[in-house]
Amino acid sequence: MPTTAKKGDIIDIKTLISHPMVSGQAKDAAGKIIPRDIINTFTCTFNGKQVFAMKLEPAISANPFISFPVKMTQDGTFDFQWVDDNGQVYKDSAKVTVT
C-alpha cells in the first residue's frame, strides 16, 4: 500500500497473511479429521475508526489476500487485525501521509 496519497485519492489497501486455513474437512494419515483452524475475522481501522471488516469462511484458501479501496482525507494509521478459530490474534499497521 502507498505511504503517501493526495487528499481525496482512493487508495487500494492490500493485505496478505500467512495462515494454513484448515477447513476441518481434511483427514490425517490415520483417517482422523484435522480440526478446523481458519482466520474467521478481519478488521481494519483508520485512526481508531473501523473502515472495513469481513467474516471469512472455510472455503477461503490458505494465506488469505484481502484488498479494498479507501478514500484518503487525512494522515493516519491503518491497524489490521486477523483472528483465527483458536483465538490467535495477528496484528499489523501501516501509516499513510496525505499531502
Foldseek 3Di string as FASTA:
>chain_A
DDQEEAQFDKDKDKDWDADQLQQQDDADPVRHTDHGKHFFKKWKDWPRHTDDIDGDHSVAGGGDMDMDIDHDHAWTKIKMWTAMPVRDIDIDMGTHGYD
